[in-house]
Amino acid sequence: MEDVAREAGVSGQTVSRVVNARGYVGATTRVRVEAAMQSLGYRPNSAARALRSGRFRTIGVVMFSFSSYGNQRTLDAIAVRASQMGYALTLIPVESSATETVVGAFRRLEEHAVDGVIIVIEAHQLDEAEVEIPDTLPVVFVDSNRGTELPFVDTDQAQGATLATEHLLDLGHSTVWHIAGPAKSYSAERRRDAWRTTLESRDRAVPEPIPGDWSAASGYEAGVQLREIDAVTAVFAANDQMAIGVLRAFREAGLDVPGDVSIVGFDGLPDAAQLWPPLTTVQQHPERVGALAVDALLSELDSGEQLRTPLVGTELIIRSSTAPPRTR
């Protein structure tokens, strides 16, 4: 740093401000310091900076599943936002949310020296497991009920499911059948509960939901069951992948969508618009969820205060897979 200061004709304190992005440095001076750093091949020692500042400039992410569209987009948004704020990521994938697995992930993160942790595990087991969150690590949860105790960021699942169900009822369907996500998913639970509440508020019959596992294959199996029930005219699938499977099951049986049955998904997959018919879906915004999770974590690191974030809203994208019921 002394060499850089001599090369740039500035004080060592000015070089320190440029290197650590702290304090005001004029634009011309900053350019001169950066040019001197490049000319001399100077690179800040991240380990030394961490010792001085107490920051490693690294965020740990514990994630249970990479297979879902929402998790993929959320992780991408976390990475982008962290990079914008000058942080790197250390990603620890876990095979399950069992106590020993999550505890092992925390231990690994502590070994990697992270400043805080974002946990993306959409499962009840995390709440049921006796997992001690390290007091030394700020933590933000994505899609978990731990939000009552710690910062929590999520999509407004209930709002989206309500929009989907109301849309089908407003078209004139007497009730709406539901293909639910996994039983131990908070997203699935919130969507299922909102679907049921909406039907009950309209004094409509509430059919038994058919369980799925987020995959198109499980949606197809559910669709095979539903196509045998004459009363089915409207289906709300808890995600777009299962809606794709339902669509195939009805088309194979010679049933028209939306003439014989209307279908709504949830997620807003980009390819949903390219199906035939194009799929009506609830658009969620995982990119906002990921960015908010990083902001909440950094807020606690900077101020020590836990940021309470609002639920991220959804919107209904109406396409050609829904229509009023055919007169029989």
C-alpha atoms as a PDB file:
ATOM      1  CA  MET A   1       0.000   0.000   0.000  1.00  0.00           C
ATOM      2  CA  GLU A   2       2.966   2.335   0.669  1.00  0.00           C
ATOM      3  CA  ASP A   3       4.226   1.638  -2.865  1.00  0.00           C
ATOM      4  CA  VAL A   4       0.778   2.441  -4.291  1.00  0.00           C
ATOM      5  CA  ALA A   5       0.611   5.664  -2.279  1.00  0.00           C
ATOM      6  CA  ARG A   6       4.019   6.809  -3.626  1.00  0.00           C
ATOM      7  CA  GLU A   7       3.076   5.837  -7.208  1.00  0.00           C
ATOM      8  CA  ALA A   8      -0.242   7.715  -7.004  1.00  0.00           C
ATOM      9  CA  GLY A   9       1.131  10.670  -5.039  1.00  0.00           C
ATOM     10  CA  VAL A  10      -1.412  10.277  -2.230  1.00  0.00           C
ATOM     11  CA  SER A  11      -1.418   9.293   1.433  1.00  0.00           C
ATOM     12  CA  GLY A  12      -1.619   5.745   2.689  1.00  0.00           C
ATOM     13  CA  GLN A  13      -4.989   6.608   4.241  1.00  0.00           C
ATOM     14  CA  THR A  14      -6.374   7.527   0.815  1.00  0.00           C
ATOM     15  CA  VAL A  15      -5.228   4.194  -0.611  1.00  0.00           C
ATOM     16  CA  SER A  16      -6.882   2.437   2.316  1.00  0.00           C
ATOM     17  CA  ARG A  17     -10.155   4.245   1.613  1.00  0.00           C
ATOM     18  CA  VAL A  18     -10.090   3.148  -2.020  1.00  0.00           C
ATOM     19  CA  VAL A  19      -9.182  -0.454  -1.184  1.00  0.00           C
ATOM     20  CA  ASN A  20     -11.820  -0.783   1.539  1.00  0.00           C
ATOM     21  CA  ALA A  21     -14.478   1.369  -0.186  1.00  0.00           C
ATOM     22  CA  ARG A  22     -14.830   3.471   2.957  1.00  0.00           C
ATOM     23  CA  GLY A  23     -14.827   7.235   3.245  1.00  0.00           C
ATOM     24  CA  TYR A  24     -14.937   9.822   0.464  1.00  0.00           C
ATOM     25  CA  VAL A  25     -12.314   9.842  -2.274  1.00  0.00           C
ATOM     26  CA  GLY A  26     -12.636  12.120  -5.281  1.00  0.00           C
ATOM     27  CA  ALA A  27     -13.207  10.500  -8.649  1.00  0.00           C
ATOM     28  CA  THR A  28      -9.910  11.734 -10.140  1.00  0.00           C
ATOM     29  CA  THR A  29      -7.924  10.581  -7.111  1.00  0.00           C
ATOM     30  CA  ARG A  30      -9.671   7.207  -7.096  1.00  0.00           C
ATOM     31  CA  VAL A  31      -8.794   6.634 -10.761  1.00  0.00           C
ATOM     32  CA  ARG A  32      -5.147   7.556 -10.036  1.00  0.00           C
ATOM     33  CA  VAL A  33      -4.970   5.120  -7.075  1.00  0.00           C
ATOM     34  CA  GLU A  34      -6.596   2.316  -9.074  1.00  0.00           C
ATOM     35  CA  ALA A  35      -4.163   2.902 -11.956  1.00  0.00           C
ATOM     36  CA  ALA A  36      -1.230   2.694  -9.524  1.00  0.00           C
ATOM     37  CA  MET A  37      -2.616  -0.547  -8.067  1.00  0.00           C
ATOM     38  CA  GLN A  38      -2.882  -2.028 -11.544  1.00  0.00           C
ATOM     39  CA  SER A  39       0.564  -0.824 -12.586  1.00  0.00           C
ATOM     40  CA  LEU A  40       2.213  -2.319  -9.497  1.00  0.00           C
ATOM     41  CA  GLY A  41       0.135  -5.507  -9.550  1.00  0.00           C
ATOM     42  CA  TYR A  42      -1.264  -4.774  -6.082  1.00  0.00           C
ATOM     43  CA  ARG A  43      -4.079  -6.991  -4.843  1.00  0.00           C
ATOM     44  CA  PRO A  44      -5.713  -6.448  -1.430  1.00  0.00           C
ATOM     45  CA  ASN A  45      -5.084  -9.322   0.992  1.00  0.00           C
ATOM     46  CA  SER A  46      -8.607 -10.523   1.784  1.00  0.00           C
ATOM     47  CA  ALA A  47      -7.473 -12.508   4.822  1.00  0.00           C
ATOM     48  CA  ALA A  48      -5.770  -9.471   6.341  1.00  0.00           C
ATOM     49  CA  ARG A  49      -8.776  -7.288   5.600  1.00  0.00           C
ATOM     50  CA  ALA A  50     -11.035  -9.853   7.288  1.00  0.00           C
ATOM     51  CA  LEU A  51      -8.845  -9.815  10.406  1.00  0.00           C
ATOM     52  CA  ARG A  52      -8.997  -6.030  10.581  1.00  0.00           C
ATOM     53  CA  SER A  53     -12.673  -5.605   9.782  1.00  0.00           C
ATOM     54  CA  GLY A  54     -14.121  -8.795  11.225  1.00  0.00           C
ATOM     55  CA  ARG A  55     -15.798  -9.402   7.858  1.00  0.00           C
ATOM     56  CA  PHE A  56     -15.046 -12.205   5.419  1.00  0.00           C
ATOM     57  CA  ARG A  57     -17.285 -10.711   2.692  1.00  0.00           C
ATOM     58  CA  THR A  58     -18.821 -14.140   2.188  1.00  0.00           C
ATOM     59  CA  ILE A  59     -22.415 -15.332   2.595  1.00  0.00           C
ATOM     60  CA  GLY A  60     -23.226 -18.963   3.234  1.00  0.00           C
ATOM     61  CA  VAL A  61     -26.267 -20.526   1.551  1.00  0.00           C
ATOM     62  CA  VAL A  62     -27.785 -23.797   2.759  1.00  0.00           C
ATOM     63  CA  MET A  63     -30.163 -25.193   0.143  1.00  0.00           C
ATOM     64  CA  PHE A  64     -32.192 -28.397   0.130  1.00  0.00           C
ATOM     65  CA  SER A  65     -33.287 -28.713  -3.490  1.00  0.00           C
ATOM     66  CA  PHE A  66     -31.970 -27.400  -6.810  1.00  0.00           C
ATOM     67  CA  SER A  67     -34.669 -29.121  -8.860  1.00  0.00           C
ATOM     68  CA  SER A  68     -37.462 -26.591  -8.422  1.00  0.00           C
ATOM     69  CA  TYR A  69     -37.737 -23.548 -10.659  1.00  0.00           C
ATOM     70  CA  GLY A  70     -38.275 -21.246  -7.680  1.00  0.00           C
ATOM     71  CA  ASN A  71     -35.134 -22.409  -5.864  1.00  0.00           C
ATOM     72  CA  GLN A  72     -33.008 -22.092  -8.980  1.00  0.00           C
ATOM     73  CA  ARG A  73     -34.171 -18.535  -9.580  1.00  0.00           C
ATOM     74  CA  THR A  74     -33.830 -17.647  -5.882  1.00  0.00           C
ATOM     75  CA  LEU A  75     -30.237 -18.898  -5.758  1.00  0.00           C
ATOM     76  CA  ASP A  76     -29.406 -16.975  -8.925  1.00  0.00           C
ATOM     77  CA  ALA A  77     -30.857 -13.797  -7.406  1.00  0.00           C
ATOM     78  CA  ILE A  78     -28.935 -14.321  -4.151  1.00  0.00           C
ATOM     79  CA  ALA A  79     -25.695 -14.691  -6.121  1.00  0.00           C
ATOM     80  CA  VAL A  80     -26.338 -11.577  -8.219  1.00  0.00           C
ATOM     81  CA  ARG A  81     -27.315  -9.397  -5.249  1.00  0.00           C
ATOM     82  CA  ALA A  82     -24.410 -10.643  -3.143  1.00  0.00           C
ATOM     83  CA  SER A  83     -21.995  -9.839  -5.969  1.00  0.00           C
ATOM     84  CA  GLN A  84     -23.459  -6.344  -6.318  1.00  0.00           C
ATOM     85  CA  MET A  85     -22.803  -5.780  -2.620  1.00  0.00           C
ATOM     86  CA  GLY A  86     -19.248  -7.100  -2.834  1.00  0.00           C
ATOM     87  CA  TYR A  87     -19.872 -10.510  -1.282  1.00  0.00           C
ATOM     88  CA  ALA A  88     -19.033 -14.014  -2.463  1.00  0.00           C
ATOM     89  CA  LEU A  89     -21.149 -17.130  -1.841  1.00  0.00           C
ATOM     90  CA  THR A  90     -20.331 -20.417  -0.187  1.00  0.00           C
ATOM     91  CA  LEU A  91     -23.036 -22.908  -1.155  1.00  0.00           C
ATOM     92  CA  ILE A  92     -23.736 -25.971   0.993  1.00  0.00           C
ATOM     93  CA  PRO A  93     -26.319 -28.323  -0.577  1.00  0.00           C
ATOM     94  CA  VAL A  94     -28.034 -30.710   1.838  1.00  0.00           C
ATOM     95  CA  GLU A  95     -29.736 -33.981   0.930  1.00  0.00           C
ATOM     96  CA  SER A  96     -32.395 -33.664   3.630  1.00  0.00           C
ATOM     97  CA  SER A  97     -33.495 -31.287   6.368  1.00  0.00           C
ATOM     98  CA  ALA A  98     -32.809 -33.803   9.136  1.00  0.00           C
ATOM     99  CA  THR A  99     -31.162 -32.387  12.244  1.00  0.00           C
ATOM    100  CA  GLU A 100     -27.737 -33.954  11.730  1.00  0.00           C
ATOM    101  CA  THR A 101     -27.637 -32.872   8.087  1.00  0.00           C
ATOM    102  CA  VAL A 102     -28.425 -29.220   8.805  1.00  0.00           C
ATOM    103  CA  VAL A 103     -26.094 -29.120  11.809  1.00  0.00           C
ATOM    104  CA  GLY A 104     -23.338 -30.538   9.594  1.00  0.00           C
ATOM    105  CA  ALA A 105     -23.990 -27.775   7.059  1.00  0.00           C
ATOM    106  CA  PHE A 106     -23.575 -25.107   9.754  1.00  0.00           C
ATOM    107  CA  ARG A 107     -20.306 -26.656  10.868  1.00  0.00           C
ATOM    108  CA  ARG A 108     -18.990 -26.615   7.324  1.00  0.00           C
ATOM    109  CA  LEU A 109     -19.980 -22.975   6.938  1.00  0.00           C
ATOM    110  CA  GLU A 110     -18.217 -22.029  10.153  1.00  0.00           C
ATOM    111  CA  GLU A 111     -15.088 -23.712   8.794  1.00  0.00           C
ATOM    112  CA  HIS A 112     -15.414 -21.675   5.595  1.00  0.00           C
ATOM    113  CA  ALA A 113     -15.631 -18.426   7.616  1.00  0.00           C
ATOM    114  CA  VAL A 114     -18.858 -16.770   6.437  1.00  0.00           C
ATOM    115  CA  ASP A 115     -20.449 -13.583   7.756  1.00  0.00           C
ATOM    116  CA  GLY A 116     -24.021 -14.882   7.732  1.00  0.00           C
ATOM    117  CA  VAL A 117     -26.280 -17.580   6.352  1.00  0.00           C
ATOM    118  CA  ILE A 118     -29.333 -17.759   4.093  1.00  0.00           C
ATOM    119  CA  ILE A 119     -31.290 -21.000   4.497  1.00  0.00           C
ATOM    120  CA  VAL A 120     -33.485 -22.151   1.610  1.00  0.00           C
ATOM    121  CA  ILE A 121     -35.186 -25.298   2.909  1.00  0.00           C
ATOM    122  CA  GLU A 122     -38.906 -25.542   2.244  1.00  0.00           C
ATOM    123  CA  ALA A 123     -39.716 -28.334   4.662  1.00  0.00           C
ATOM    124  CA  HIS A 124     -41.512 -28.754   7.965  1.00  0.00           C
ATOM    125  CA  GLN A 125     -38.673 -30.951   9.215  1.00  0.00           C
ATOM    126  CA  LEU A 126     -36.471 -27.895   9.720  1.00  0.00           C
ATOM    127  CA  ASP A 127     -38.941 -26.580  12.281  1.00  0.00           C
ATOM    128  CA  GLU A 128     -39.475 -30.020  13.776  1.00  0.00           C
ATOM    129  CA  ALA A 129     -35.746 -30.723  14.034  1.00  0.00           C
ATOM    130  CA  GLU A 130     -33.878 -29.514  17.100  1.00  0.00           C
ATOM    131  CA  VAL A 131     -31.415 -27.394  15.184  1.00  0.00           C
ATOM    132  CA  GLU A 132     -29.445 -24.847  17.189  1.00  0.00           C
ATOM    133  CA  ILE A 133     -28.749 -21.813  15.056  1.00  0.00           C
ATOM    134  CA  PRO A 134     -25.254 -20.479  15.929  1.00  0.00           C
ATOM    135  CA  ASP A 135     -25.609 -17.214  17.855  1.00  0.00           C
ATOM    136  CA  THR A 136     -22.538 -15.832  16.102  1.00  0.00           C
ATOM    137  CA  LEU A 137     -24.089 -16.099  12.631  1.00  0.00           C
ATOM    138  CA  PRO A 138     -26.931 -13.873  11.427  1.00  0.00           C
ATOM    139  CA  VAL A 139     -29.472 -16.059   9.618  1.00  0.00           C
ATOM    140  CA  VAL A 140     -32.265 -15.344   7.134  1.00  0.00           C
ATOM    141  CA  PHE A 141     -34.794 -18.022   6.199  1.00  0.00           C
ATOM    142  CA  VAL A 142     -36.473 -18.371   2.827  1.00  0.00           C
ATOM    143  CA  ASP A 143     -39.761 -20.314   2.778  1.00  0.00           C
ATOM    144  CA  SER A 144     -39.984 -21.519   6.376  1.00  0.00           C
ATOM    145  CA  ASN A 145     -42.062 -20.788   9.451  1.00  0.00           C
ATOM    146  CA  ARG A 146     -38.926 -19.851  11.360  1.00  0.00           C
ATOM    147  CA  GLY A 147     -39.810 -16.312  10.258  1.00  0.00           C
ATOM    148  CA  THR A 148     -41.635 -15.846  13.561  1.00  0.00           C
ATOM    149  CA  GLU A 149     -38.252 -15.885  15.314  1.00  0.00           C
ATOM    150  CA  LEU A 150     -35.717 -14.850  12.673  1.00  0.00           C
ATOM    151  CA  PRO A 151     -35.801 -12.762   9.480  1.00  0.00           C
ATOM    152  CA  PHE A 152     -37.937 -14.507   6.899  1.00  0.00           C
ATOM    153  CA  VAL A 153     -38.468 -13.825   3.184  1.00  0.00           C
ATOM    154  CA  ASP A 154     -41.046 -15.510   0.977  1.00  0.00           C
ATOM    155  CA  THR A 155     -43.530 -15.181  -1.851  1.00  0.00           C
ATOM    156  CA  ASP A 156     -47.113 -14.430  -0.831  1.00  0.00           C
ATOM    157  CA  GLN A 157     -48.212 -17.990  -1.545  1.00  0.00           C
ATOM    158  CA  ALA A 158     -51.729 -17.446  -0.211  1.00  0.00           C
ATOM    159  CA  GLN A 159     -52.333 -14.429  -2.426  1.00  0.00           C
ATOM    160  CA  GLY A 160     -51.303 -16.366  -5.533  1.00  0.00           C
ATOM    161  CA  ALA A 161     -53.488 -19.375  -4.771  1.00  0.00           C
ATOM    162  CA  THR A 162     -56.430 -17.095  -4.027  1.00  0.00           C
ATOM    163  CA  LEU A 163     -56.003 -15.332  -7.367  1.00  0.00           C
ATOM    164  CA  ALA A 164     -55.947 -18.675  -9.210  1.00  0.00           C
ATOM    165  CA  THR A 165     -59.017 -20.062  -7.447  1.00  0.00           C
ATOM    166  CA  GLU A 166     -61.046 -16.861  -7.729  1.00  0.00           C
ATOM    167  CA  HIS A 167     -60.250 -16.625 -11.443  1.00  0.00           C
ATOM    168  CA  LEU A 168     -61.733 -20.064 -12.094  1.00  0.00           C
ATOM    169  CA  LEU A 169     -64.803 -19.390  -9.943  1.00  0.00           C
ATOM    170  CA  ASP A 170     -65.369 -16.021 -11.600  1.00  0.00           C
ATOM    171  CA  LEU A 171     -65.385 -17.778 -14.988  1.00  0.00           C
ATOM    172  CA  GLY A 172     -68.420 -19.698 -13.767  1.00  0.00           C
ATOM    173  CA  HIS A 173     -66.986 -23.012 -12.573  1.00  0.00           C
ATOM    174  CA  SER A 174     -68.939 -24.463  -9.649  1.00  0.00           C
ATOM    175  CA  THR A 175     -65.794 -25.523  -7.807  1.00  0.00           C
ATOM    176  CA  VAL A 176     -62.061 -26.023  -8.350  1.00  0.00           C
ATOM    177  CA  TRP A 177     -60.079 -29.225  -7.924  1.00  0.00           C
ATOM    178  CA  HIS A 178     -56.568 -28.951  -6.565  1.00  0.00           C
ATOM    179  CA  ILE A 179     -53.344 -30.868  -7.169  1.00  0.00           C
ATOM    180  CA  ALA A 180     -51.217 -30.099  -4.131  1.00  0.00           C
ATOM    181  CA  GLY A 181     -47.470 -30.081  -3.647  1.00  0.00           C
ATOM    182  CA  PRO A 182     -45.595 -32.253  -1.129  1.00  0.00           C
ATOM    183  CA  ALA A 183     -47.160 -32.531   2.321  1.00  0.00           C
ATOM    184  CA  LYS A 184     -44.027 -31.230   4.054  1.00  0.00           C
ATOM    185  CA  SER A 185     -43.616 -28.123   1.931  1.00  0.00           C
ATOM    186  CA  TYR A 186     -44.687 -24.782   3.388  1.00  0.00           C
ATOM    187  CA  SER A 187     -45.289 -23.395  -0.104  1.00  0.00           C
ATOM    188  CA  ALA A 188     -47.625 -26.283  -0.901  1.00  0.00           C
ATOM    189  CA  GLU A 189     -49.391 -25.955   2.430  1.00  0.00           C
ATOM    190  CA  ARG A 190     -50.036 -22.247   2.046  1.00  0.00           C
ATOM    191  CA  ARG A 191     -51.317 -22.658  -1.513  1.00  0.00           C
ATOM    192  CA  ARG A 192     -53.580 -25.537  -0.486  1.00  0.00           C
ATOM    193  CA  ASP A 193     -54.973 -23.653   2.529  1.00  0.00           C
ATOM    194  CA  ALA A 194     -55.718 -20.547   0.475  1.00  0.00           C
ATOM    195  CA  TRP A 195     -57.462 -22.639  -2.212  1.00  0.00           C
ATOM    196  CA  ARG A 196     -59.655 -24.255   0.448  1.00  0.00           C
ATOM    197  CA  THR A 197     -60.415 -20.969   2.209  1.00  0.00           C
ATOM    198  CA  THR A 198     -61.419 -19.321  -1.069  1.00  0.00           C
ATOM    199  CA  LEU A 199     -63.859 -22.133  -1.900  1.00  0.00           C
ATOM    200  CA  GLU A 200     -65.341 -22.050   1.594  1.00  0.00           C
ATOM    201  CA  SER A 201     -65.750 -18.263   1.456  1.00  0.00           C
ATOM    202  CA  ARG A 202     -67.821 -18.708  -1.720  1.00  0.00           C
ATOM    203  CA  ASP A 203     -69.863 -21.568  -0.206  1.00  0.00           C
ATOM    204  CA  ARG A 204     -68.524 -23.997  -2.784  1.00  0.00           C
ATOM    205  CA  ALA A 205     -67.839 -27.696  -2.420  1.00  0.00           C
ATOM    206  CA  VAL A 206     -64.238 -28.470  -1.416  1.00  0.00           C
ATOM    207  CA  PRO A 207     -62.990 -31.586  -3.244  1.00  0.00           C
ATOM    208  CA  GLU A 208     -60.303 -33.731  -1.663  1.00  0.00           C
ATOM    209  CA  PRO A 209     -56.945 -32.401  -2.918  1.00  0.00           C
ATOM    210  CA  ILE A 210     -54.788 -34.835  -4.874  1.00  0.00           C
ATOM    211  CA  PRO A 211     -51.171 -34.972  -3.633  1.00  0.00           C
ATOM    212  CA  GLY A 212     -48.250 -34.430  -6.000  1.00  0.00           C
ATOM    213  CA  ASP A 213     -44.496 -33.970  -5.662  1.00  0.00           C
ATOM    214  CA  TRP A 214     -43.951 -30.902  -7.896  1.00  0.00           C
ATOM    215  CA  SER A 215     -43.032 -33.097 -10.898  1.00  0.00           C
ATOM    216  CA  ALA A 216     -44.862 -33.237 -14.234  1.00  0.00           C
ATOM    217  CA  ALA A 217     -45.121 -37.015 -13.767  1.00  0.00           C
ATOM    218  CA  SER A 218     -47.106 -36.615 -10.542  1.00  0.00           C
ATOM    219  CA  GLY A 219     -49.318 -34.059 -12.260  1.00  0.00           C
ATOM    220  CA  TYR A 220     -49.986 -36.553 -15.036  1.00  0.00           C
ATOM    221  CA  GLU A 221     -50.955 -39.247 -12.516  1.00  0.00           C
ATOM    222  CA  ALA A 222     -53.318 -36.814 -10.809  1.00  0.00           C
ATOM    223  CA  GLY A 223     -54.760 -35.838 -14.177  1.00  0.00           C
ATOM    224  CA  VAL A 224     -55.476 -39.503 -14.979  1.00  0.00           C
ATOM    225  CA  GLN A 225     -57.544 -39.654 -11.787  1.00  0.00           C
ATOM    226  CA  LEU A 226     -59.370 -36.396 -12.442  1.00  0.00           C
ATOM    227  CA  ARG A 227     -60.278 -37.142 -16.057  1.00  0.00           C
ATOM    228  CA  GLU A 228     -62.433 -40.030 -14.810  1.00  0.00           C
ATOM    229  CA  ILE A 229     -64.611 -37.639 -12.780  1.00  0.00           C
ATOM    230  CA  ASP A 230     -67.306 -36.032 -14.916  1.00  0.00           C
ATOM    231  CA  ALA A 231     -67.805 -33.151 -12.484  1.00  0.00           C
ATOM    232  CA  VAL A 232     -64.266 -31.831 -12.983  1.00  0.00           C
ATOM    233  CA  THR A 233     -64.282 -28.635 -15.050  1.00  0.00           C
ATOM    234  CA  ALA A 234     -61.516 -26.617 -13.349  1.00  0.00           C
ATOM    235  CA  VAL A 235     -58.124 -27.616 -11.913  1.00  0.00           C
ATOM    236  CA  PHE A 236     -55.610 -25.535  -9.977  1.00  0.00           C
ATOM    237  CA  ALA A 237     -52.193 -27.240  -9.874  1.00  0.00           C
ATOM    238  CA  ALA A 238     -49.761 -26.050  -7.189  1.00  0.00           C
ATOM    239  CA  ASN A 239     -47.001 -25.534  -9.761  1.00  0.00           C
ATOM    240  CA  ASP A 240     -46.570 -25.300 -13.520  1.00  0.00           C
ATOM    241  CA  GLN A 241     -44.748 -28.617 -13.841  1.00  0.00           C
ATOM    242  CA  MET A 242     -47.710 -30.526 -12.413  1.00  0.00           C
ATOM    243  CA  ALA A 243     -50.072 -28.455 -14.566  1.00  0.00           C
ATOM    244  CA  ILE A 244     -48.130 -29.632 -17.621  1.00  0.00           C
ATOM    245  CA  GLY A 245     -48.725 -33.244 -16.579  1.00  0.00           C
ATOM    246  CA  VAL A 246     -52.428 -32.581 -16.050  1.00  0.00           C
ATOM    247  CA  LEU A 247     -52.679 -30.998 -19.465  1.00  0.00           C
ATOM    248  CA  ARG A 248     -51.187 -34.097 -21.084  1.00  0.00           C
ATOM    249  CA  ALA A 249     -53.523 -36.451 -19.174  1.00  0.00           C
ATOM    250  CA  PHE A 250     -56.649 -34.625 -20.331  1.00  0.00           C
ATOM    251  CA  ARG A 251     -55.470 -34.249 -23.902  1.00  0.00           C
ATOM    252  CA  GLU A 252     -54.668 -37.971 -24.101  1.00  0.00           C
ATOM    253  CA  ALA A 253     -58.242 -38.733 -23.070  1.00  0.00           C
ATOM    254  CA  GLY A 254     -59.555 -36.611 -25.920  1.00  0.00           C
ATOM    255  CA  LEU A 255     -60.740 -33.828 -23.606  1.00  0.00           C
ATOM    256  CA  ASP A 256     -60.398 -30.233 -24.714  1.00  0.00           C
ATOM    257  CA  VAL A 257     -58.563 -27.616 -22.683  1.00  0.00           C
ATOM    258  CA  PRO A 258     -60.166 -25.215 -21.927  1.00  0.00           C
ATOM    259  CA  GLY A 259     -63.414 -26.410 -23.530  1.00  0.00           C
ATOM    260  CA  ASP A 260     -63.921 -29.379 -21.207  1.00  0.00           C
ATOM    261  CA  VAL A 261     -61.618 -28.396 -18.357  1.00  0.00           C
ATOM    262  CA  SER A 262     -59.710 -25.238 -17.392  1.00  0.00           C
ATOM    263  CA  ILE A 263     -56.219 -25.505 -15.890  1.00  0.00           C
ATOM    264  CA  VAL A 264     -54.191 -22.999 -13.865  1.00  0.00           C
ATOM    265  CA  GLY A 265     -50.585 -23.472 -12.691  1.00  0.00           C
ATOM    266  CA  PHE A 266     -48.309 -21.617 -10.300  1.00  0.00           C
ATOM    267  CA  ASP A 267     -44.737 -20.319 -10.749  1.00  0.00           C
ATOM    268  CA  GLY A 268     -44.688 -18.513 -14.069  1.00  0.00           C
ATOM    269  CA  LEU A 269     -42.300 -20.797 -15.929  1.00  0.00           C
ATOM    270  CA  PRO A 270     -41.062 -19.030 -19.074  1.00  0.00           C
ATOM    271  CA  ASP A 271     -42.033 -22.043 -21.204  1.00  0.00           C
ATOM    272  CA  ALA A 272     -45.617 -22.014 -19.896  1.00  0.00           C
ATOM    273  CA  ALA A 273     -46.517 -19.487 -22.596  1.00  0.00           C
ATOM    274  CA  GLN A 274     -45.278 -21.898 -25.293  1.00  0.00           C
ATOM    275  CA  LEU A 275     -47.566 -24.807 -24.349  1.00  0.00           C
ATOM    276  CA  TRP A 276     -50.723 -25.570 -26.262  1.00  0.00           C
ATOM    277  CA  PRO A 277     -52.873 -24.078 -25.064  1.00  0.00           C
ATOM    278  CA  PRO A 278     -50.658 -21.488 -23.365  1.00  0.00           C
ATOM    279  CA  LEU A 279     -50.957 -21.990 -19.619  1.00  0.00           C
ATOM    280  CA  THR A 280     -52.694 -19.576 -17.272  1.00  0.00           C
ATOM    281  CA  THR A 281     -50.409 -19.313 -14.247  1.00  0.00           C
ATOM    282  CA  VAL A 282     -49.595 -17.408 -11.081  1.00  0.00           C
ATOM    283  CA  GLN A 283     -46.379 -15.468 -11.645  1.00  0.00           C
ATOM    284  CA  GLN A 284     -44.108 -15.401  -8.617  1.00  0.00           C
ATOM    285  CA  HIS A 285     -40.888 -13.400  -8.373  1.00  0.00           C
ATOM    286  CA  PRO A 286     -38.067 -15.469  -6.830  1.00  0.00           C
ATOM    287  CA  GLU A 287     -35.551 -12.906  -8.032  1.00  0.00           C
ATOM    288  CA  ARG A 288     -37.065 -10.402  -5.586  1.00  0.00           C
ATOM    289  CA  VAL A 289     -37.097 -12.997  -2.805  1.00  0.00           C
ATOM    290  CA  GLY A 290     -33.382 -13.717  -3.287  1.00  0.00           C
ATOM    291  CA  ALA A 291     -32.413 -10.051  -3.355  1.00  0.00           C
ATOM    292  CA  LEU A 292     -34.476  -9.290  -0.240  1.00  0.00           C
ATOM    293  CA  ALA A 293     -32.877 -12.206   1.600  1.00  0.00           C
ATOM    294  CA  VAL A 294     -29.407 -10.758   0.948  1.00  0.00           C
ATOM    295  CA  ASP A 295     -30.552  -7.257   1.940  1.00  0.00           C
ATOM    296  CA  ALA A 296     -32.050  -8.570   5.199  1.00  0.00           C
ATOM    297  CA  LEU A 297     -28.842 -10.411   6.058  1.00  0.00           C
ATOM    298  CA  LEU A 298     -26.574  -7.457   5.307  1.00  0.00           C
ATOM    299  CA  SER A 299     -28.882  -5.152   7.258  1.00  0.00           C
ATOM    300  CA  GLU A 300     -28.364  -7.279  10.359  1.00  0.00           C
ATOM    301  CA  LEU A 301     -24.608  -7.406   9.747  1.00  0.00           C
ATOM    302  CA  ASP A 302     -24.387  -3.627   9.385  1.00  0.00           C
ATOM    303  CA  SER A 303     -26.794  -2.483  12.087  1.00  0.00           C
ATOM    304  CA  GLY A 304     -27.411  -5.503  14.280  1.00  0.00           C
ATOM    305  CA  GLU A 305     -31.141  -5.076  13.656  1.00  0.00           C
ATOM    306  CA  GLN A 306     -33.281  -7.748  12.039  1.00  0.00           C
ATOM    307  CA  LEU A 307     -35.068  -6.468   8.940  1.00  0.00           C
ATOM    308  CA  ARG A 308     -38.716  -7.520   8.680  1.00  0.00           C
ATOM    309  CA  THR A 309     -39.487  -7.874   4.991  1.00  0.00           C
ATOM    310  CA  PRO A 310     -42.956  -7.919   3.428  1.00  0.00           C
ATOM    311  CA  LEU A 311     -44.132 -10.960   1.504  1.00  0.00           C
ATOM    312  CA  VAL A 312     -43.357 -10.659  -2.207  1.00  0.00           C
ATOM    313  CA  GLY A 313     -46.570 -10.331  -4.189  1.00  0.00           C
ATOM    314  CA  THR A 314     -47.720 -12.420  -7.157  1.00  0.00           C
ATOM    315  CA  GLU A 315     -49.813 -11.769 -10.243  1.00  0.00           C
ATOM    316  CA  LEU A 316     -52.146 -13.891 -12.340  1.00  0.00           C
ATOM    317  CA  ILE A 317     -51.129 -14.302 -15.990  1.00  0.00           C
ATOM    318  CA  ILE A 318     -54.268 -15.242 -17.910  1.00  0.00           C
ATOM    319  CA  ARG A 319     -53.739 -17.277 -21.075  1.00  0.00           C
ATOM    320  CA  SER A 320     -55.740 -19.745 -23.149  1.00  0.00           C
ATOM    321  CA  SER A 321     -55.924 -22.707 -20.743  1.00  0.00           C
ATOM    322  CA  THR A 322     -58.899 -21.218 -18.883  1.00  0.00           C
ATOM    323  CA  ALA A 323     -62.412 -20.365 -20.070  1.00  0.00           C
ATOM    324  CA  PRO A 324     -66.005 -20.458 -18.828  1.00  0.00           C
ATOM    325  CA  PRO A 325     -67.368 -24.002 -18.420  1.00  0.00           C
ATOM    326  CA  ARG A 326     -69.040 -25.505 -21.454  1.00  0.00           C
ATOM    327  CA  THR A 327     -72.837 -25.739 -21.251  1.00  0.00           C
ATOM    328  CA  ARG A 328     -73.754 -29.400 -20.900  1.00  0.00           C
END
